[in-house]
Amino acid sequence: MTQIPTRTRELTAGQLAERSGVAISALHFYEAQGLIMARRTTGNQRRYKREMLRRVAFIRASQRVGIPLAKIRGALATLPAGRTPTPADWARLSAAWRDDLDDRIRQLQNLRDKLTGCIGCGCLSIGSCQLANPGDVLGNEGPGPRNL
């Protein structure tokens, strides 16, 4: 990895991509979504403030735990004047996301438990299959699987 001198205040898209481990196309997408900002040079090249490294890290960490980009954008919008998130910001925002993550974990565990039952039945149209055929509505269409 190319070392970027600490006195460098702005990074090119390539430098930010290399340093953050995020593809340039992802940086452009983040910018289009209002998650990060860049200025344009007279030659129309993007220049990112060095602080965008922390914002990109925040976005990636949030995505890794399953936070949708819309919620990440909302969280970043709560920071004063587009400020880069601090460790205290991360603690506050991640605590707010905890209940949502716990709900999604419960939903996934419930789905997993029901899926195991469906794999065991093999038919996906019996009355007891609550995943693919709640209430056995597909039983009216005849025997065998209907959702292939």
C-alpha atoms as a PDB file:
ATOM      1  CA  MET A   1       0.000   0.000   0.000  1.00  0.00           C
ATOM      2  CA  THR A   2       1.222   3.444  -0.897  1.00  0.00           C
ATOM      3  CA  GLN A   3       2.006   5.561   2.154  1.00  0.00           C
ATOM      4  CA  ILE A   4       0.194   8.911   2.173  1.00  0.00           C
ATOM      5  CA  PRO A   5       2.104  11.670   3.967  1.00  0.00           C
ATOM      6  CA  THR A   6       0.211  12.967   7.017  1.00  0.00           C
ATOM      7  CA  ARG A   7       0.558  16.518   5.748  1.00  0.00           C
ATOM      8  CA  THR A   8      -1.630  15.600   2.760  1.00  0.00           C
ATOM      9  CA  ARG A   9      -5.003  17.215   3.468  1.00  0.00           C
ATOM     10  CA  GLU A  10      -6.860  15.891   0.413  1.00  0.00           C
ATOM     11  CA  LEU A  11      -6.874  12.484  -1.228  1.00  0.00           C
ATOM     12  CA  THR A  12      -7.633  11.432  -4.753  1.00  0.00           C
ATOM     13  CA  ALA A  13     -10.344   8.834  -5.290  1.00  0.00           C
ATOM     14  CA  GLY A  14      -7.614   6.248  -5.918  1.00  0.00           C
ATOM     15  CA  GLN A  15      -5.785   7.111  -2.704  1.00  0.00           C
ATOM     16  CA  LEU A  16      -8.989   6.996  -0.656  1.00  0.00           C
ATOM     17  CA  ALA A  17      -9.958   3.680  -2.265  1.00  0.00           C
ATOM     18  CA  GLU A  18      -6.573   2.115  -1.609  1.00  0.00           C
ATOM     19  CA  ARG A  19      -6.342   3.371   1.964  1.00  0.00           C
ATOM     20  CA  SER A  20      -9.931   2.434   2.894  1.00  0.00           C
ATOM     21  CA  GLY A  21     -10.102  -0.865   1.001  1.00  0.00           C
ATOM     22  CA  VAL A  22     -13.241   0.282  -0.817  1.00  0.00           C
ATOM     23  CA  ALA A  23     -13.568   0.283  -4.610  1.00  0.00           C
ATOM     24  CA  ILE A  24     -13.607   3.641  -6.371  1.00  0.00           C
ATOM     25  CA  SER A  25     -17.061   2.829  -7.723  1.00  0.00           C
ATOM     26  CA  ALA A  26     -18.271   2.332  -4.133  1.00  0.00           C
ATOM     27  CA  LEU A  27     -16.840   5.728  -3.166  1.00  0.00           C
ATOM     28  CA  HIS A  28     -18.695   7.327  -6.073  1.00  0.00           C
ATOM     29  CA  PHE A  29     -21.862   5.530  -4.942  1.00  0.00           C
ATOM     30  CA  TYR A  30     -21.396   6.704  -1.343  1.00  0.00           C
ATOM     31  CA  GLU A  31     -20.953  10.233  -2.636  1.00  0.00           C
ATOM     32  CA  ALA A  32     -24.096   9.999  -4.782  1.00  0.00           C
ATOM     33  CA  GLN A  33     -25.985   8.754  -1.699  1.00  0.00           C
ATOM     34  CA  GLY A  34     -24.799  11.732   0.365  1.00  0.00           C
ATOM     35  CA  LEU A  35     -22.655   9.642   2.707  1.00  0.00           C
ATOM     36  CA  ILE A  36     -19.327  11.274   1.830  1.00  0.00           C
ATOM     37  CA  MET A  37     -18.370  14.526   0.118  1.00  0.00           C
ATOM     38  CA  ALA A  38     -15.717  15.559  -2.360  1.00  0.00           C
ATOM     39  CA  ARG A  39     -14.765  18.749  -4.046  1.00  0.00           C
ATOM     40  CA  ARG A  40     -13.986  18.938  -7.743  1.00  0.00           C
ATOM     41  CA  THR A  41     -10.751  20.347  -9.116  1.00  0.00           C
ATOM     42  CA  THR A  42     -10.705  22.608 -12.157  1.00  0.00           C
ATOM     43  CA  GLY A  43      -9.982  19.421 -14.118  1.00  0.00           C
ATOM     44  CA  ASN A  44     -13.187  17.871 -12.641  1.00  0.00           C
ATOM     45  CA  GLN A  45     -11.296  15.359 -10.494  1.00  0.00           C
ATOM     46  CA  ARG A  46     -12.604  14.436  -7.066  1.00  0.00           C
ATOM     47  CA  ARG A  47     -10.631  15.406  -3.981  1.00  0.00           C
ATOM     48  CA  TYR A  48     -11.661  14.035  -0.604  1.00  0.00           C
ATOM     49  CA  LYS A  49     -10.698  15.544   2.715  1.00  0.00           C
ATOM     50  CA  ARG A  50      -8.494  13.150   4.646  1.00  0.00           C
ATOM     51  CA  GLU A  51     -11.255  12.891   7.271  1.00  0.00           C
ATOM     52  CA  MET A  52     -13.364  10.976   4.740  1.00  0.00           C
ATOM     53  CA  LEU A  53     -11.248   7.927   5.641  1.00  0.00           C
ATOM     54  CA  ARG A  54     -12.999   7.795   9.016  1.00  0.00           C
ATOM     55  CA  ARG A  55     -16.428   8.302   7.431  1.00  0.00           C
ATOM     56  CA  VAL A  56     -15.792   5.454   4.989  1.00  0.00           C
ATOM     57  CA  ALA A  57     -14.622   3.250   7.874  1.00  0.00           C
ATOM     58  CA  PHE A  58     -17.803   4.150   9.770  1.00  0.00           C
ATOM     59  CA  ILE A  59     -19.950   3.277   6.740  1.00  0.00           C
ATOM     60  CA  ARG A  60     -18.187  -0.054   6.197  1.00  0.00           C
ATOM     61  CA  ALA A  61     -18.376  -1.038   9.878  1.00  0.00           C
ATOM     62  CA  SER A  62     -22.075  -0.178   9.920  1.00  0.00           C
ATOM     63  CA  GLN A  63     -22.701  -2.189   6.771  1.00  0.00           C
ATOM     64  CA  ARG A  64     -20.825  -5.183   8.189  1.00  0.00           C
ATOM     65  CA  VAL A  65     -23.295  -5.421  11.049  1.00  0.00           C
ATOM     66  CA  GLY A  66     -26.224  -5.147   8.649  1.00  0.00           C
ATOM     67  CA  ILE A  67     -27.242  -1.508   8.930  1.00  0.00           C
ATOM     68  CA  PRO A  68     -28.927  -0.312   5.711  1.00  0.00           C
ATOM     69  CA  LEU A  69     -27.391   2.678   3.931  1.00  0.00           C
ATOM     70  CA  ALA A  70     -30.514   4.771   4.564  1.00  0.00           C
ATOM     71  CA  LYS A  71     -30.020   4.410   8.335  1.00  0.00           C
ATOM     72  CA  ILE A  72     -26.297   5.097   7.996  1.00  0.00           C
ATOM     73  CA  ARG A  73     -27.101   8.281   6.047  1.00  0.00           C
ATOM     74  CA  GLY A  74     -29.560   9.303   8.755  1.00  0.00           C
ATOM     75  CA  ALA A  75     -26.978   8.680  11.463  1.00  0.00           C
ATOM     76  CA  LEU A  76     -24.318  10.705   9.660  1.00  0.00           C
ATOM     77  CA  ALA A  77     -26.843  13.517   9.182  1.00  0.00           C
ATOM     78  CA  THR A  78     -27.131  13.852  12.979  1.00  0.00           C
ATOM     79  CA  LEU A  79     -23.507  14.927  13.205  1.00  0.00           C
ATOM     80  CA  PRO A  80     -22.900  18.669  13.319  1.00  0.00           C
ATOM     81  CA  ALA A  81     -21.963  20.195   9.942  1.00  0.00           C
ATOM     82  CA  GLY A  82     -21.087  16.852   8.354  1.00  0.00           C
ATOM     83  CA  ARG A  83     -18.421  16.184  10.993  1.00  0.00           C
ATOM     84  CA  THR A  84     -16.523  12.911  10.898  1.00  0.00           C
ATOM     85  CA  PRO A  85     -17.788  10.372  13.466  1.00  0.00           C
ATOM     86  CA  THR A  86     -15.832  10.035  16.685  1.00  0.00           C
ATOM     87  CA  PRO A  87     -15.636   6.934  18.902  1.00  0.00           C
ATOM     88  CA  ALA A  88     -18.327   8.541  21.099  1.00  0.00           C
ATOM     89  CA  ASP A  89     -20.553   8.983  18.024  1.00  0.00           C
ATOM     90  CA  TRP A  90     -20.068   5.318  17.129  1.00  0.00           C
ATOM     91  CA  ALA A  91     -21.013   4.260  20.675  1.00  0.00           C
ATOM     92  CA  ARG A  92     -24.162   6.402  20.642  1.00  0.00           C
ATOM     93  CA  LEU A  93     -25.290   5.386  17.159  1.00  0.00           C
ATOM     94  CA  SER A  94     -24.495   1.696  17.545  1.00  0.00           C
ATOM     95  CA  ALA A  95     -26.456   1.621  20.813  1.00  0.00           C
ATOM     96  CA  ALA A  96     -29.452   3.044  18.954  1.00  0.00           C
ATOM     97  CA  TRP A  97     -29.140   0.287  16.330  1.00  0.00           C
ATOM     98  CA  ARG A  98     -28.894  -2.528  18.883  1.00  0.00           C
ATOM     99  CA  ASP A  99     -32.664  -3.080  19.246  1.00  0.00           C
ATOM    100  CA  ASP A 100     -33.123  -3.197  15.477  1.00  0.00           C
ATOM    101  CA  LEU A 101     -30.294  -5.710  15.148  1.00  0.00           C
ATOM    102  CA  ASP A 102     -31.706  -7.836  17.975  1.00  0.00           C
ATOM    103  CA  ASP A 103     -35.108  -7.898  16.203  1.00  0.00           C
ATOM    104  CA  ARG A 104     -33.512  -8.953  12.923  1.00  0.00           C
ATOM    105  CA  ILE A 105     -31.503 -11.676  14.675  1.00  0.00           C
ATOM    106  CA  ARG A 106     -34.723 -13.037  16.212  1.00  0.00           C
ATOM    107  CA  GLN A 107     -36.435 -12.962  12.799  1.00  0.00           C
ATOM    108  CA  LEU A 108     -33.526 -14.785  11.164  1.00  0.00           C
ATOM    109  CA  GLN A 109     -33.444 -17.407  13.924  1.00  0.00           C
ATOM    110  CA  ASN A 110     -37.185 -17.947  13.495  1.00  0.00           C
ATOM    111  CA  LEU A 111     -36.738 -18.254   9.722  1.00  0.00           C
ATOM    112  CA  ARG A 112     -33.868 -20.700  10.231  1.00  0.00           C
ATOM    113  CA  ASP A 113     -35.951 -22.835  12.566  1.00  0.00           C
ATOM    114  CA  LYS A 114     -38.867 -22.945  10.122  1.00  0.00           C
ATOM    115  CA  LEU A 115     -36.553 -23.647   7.193  1.00  0.00           C
ATOM    116  CA  THR A 116     -35.206 -26.750   8.911  1.00  0.00           C
ATOM    117  CA  GLY A 117     -38.761 -28.092   9.116  1.00  0.00           C
ATOM    118  CA  CYS A 118     -39.379 -27.440   5.425  1.00  0.00           C
ATOM    119  CA  ILE A 119     -36.220 -29.209   4.377  1.00  0.00           C
ATOM    120  CA  GLY A 120     -37.398 -32.201   6.404  1.00  0.00           C
ATOM    121  CA  CYS A 121     -40.827 -32.367   4.748  1.00  0.00           C
ATOM    122  CA  GLY A 122     -39.448 -32.023   1.214  1.00  0.00           C
ATOM    123  CA  CYS A 123     -42.767 -31.000  -0.298  1.00  0.00           C
ATOM    124  CA  LEU A 124     -43.383 -27.341   0.634  1.00  0.00           C
ATOM    125  CA  SER A 125     -47.152 -27.724   0.263  1.00  0.00           C
ATOM    126  CA  ILE A 126     -48.222 -29.633   3.354  1.00  0.00           C
ATOM    127  CA  GLY A 127     -50.397 -27.998   5.983  1.00  0.00           C
ATOM    128  CA  SER A 128     -47.655 -27.731   8.581  1.00  0.00           C
ATOM    129  CA  CYS A 129     -45.267 -25.691   6.432  1.00  0.00           C
ATOM    130  CA  GLN A 130     -45.496 -22.170   7.820  1.00  0.00           C
ATOM    131  CA  LEU A 131     -42.664 -20.829   5.694  1.00  0.00           C
ATOM    132  CA  ALA A 132     -43.736 -21.458   2.114  1.00  0.00           C
ATOM    133  CA  ASN A 133     -47.385 -22.423   2.551  1.00  0.00           C
ATOM    134  CA  PRO A 134     -49.055 -20.848   5.575  1.00  0.00           C
ATOM    135  CA  GLY A 135     -52.524 -22.300   6.061  1.00  0.00           C
ATOM    136  CA  ASP A 136     -51.896 -24.932   3.335  1.00  0.00           C
ATOM    137  CA  VAL A 137     -53.391 -22.674   0.637  1.00  0.00           C
ATOM    138  CA  LEU A 138     -51.390 -24.539  -2.017  1.00  0.00           C
ATOM    139  CA  GLY A 139     -53.013 -27.843  -1.047  1.00  0.00           C
ATOM    140  CA  ASN A 140     -56.072 -26.772  -3.065  1.00  0.00           C
ATOM    141  CA  GLU A 141     -54.003 -26.936  -6.258  1.00  0.00           C
ATOM    142  CA  GLY A 142     -53.231 -30.643  -5.981  1.00  0.00           C
ATOM    143  CA  PRO A 143     -50.457 -32.877  -4.624  1.00  0.00           C
ATOM    144  CA  GLY A 144     -46.746 -32.185  -4.703  1.00  0.00           C
ATOM    145  CA  PRO A 145     -44.636 -29.017  -4.525  1.00  0.00           C
ATOM    146  CA  ARG A 146     -46.052 -25.849  -6.089  1.00  0.00           C
ATOM    147  CA  ASN A 147     -43.330 -23.245  -5.467  1.00  0.00           C
ATOM    148  CA  LEU A 148     -40.479 -24.569  -7.586  1.00  0.00           C
END
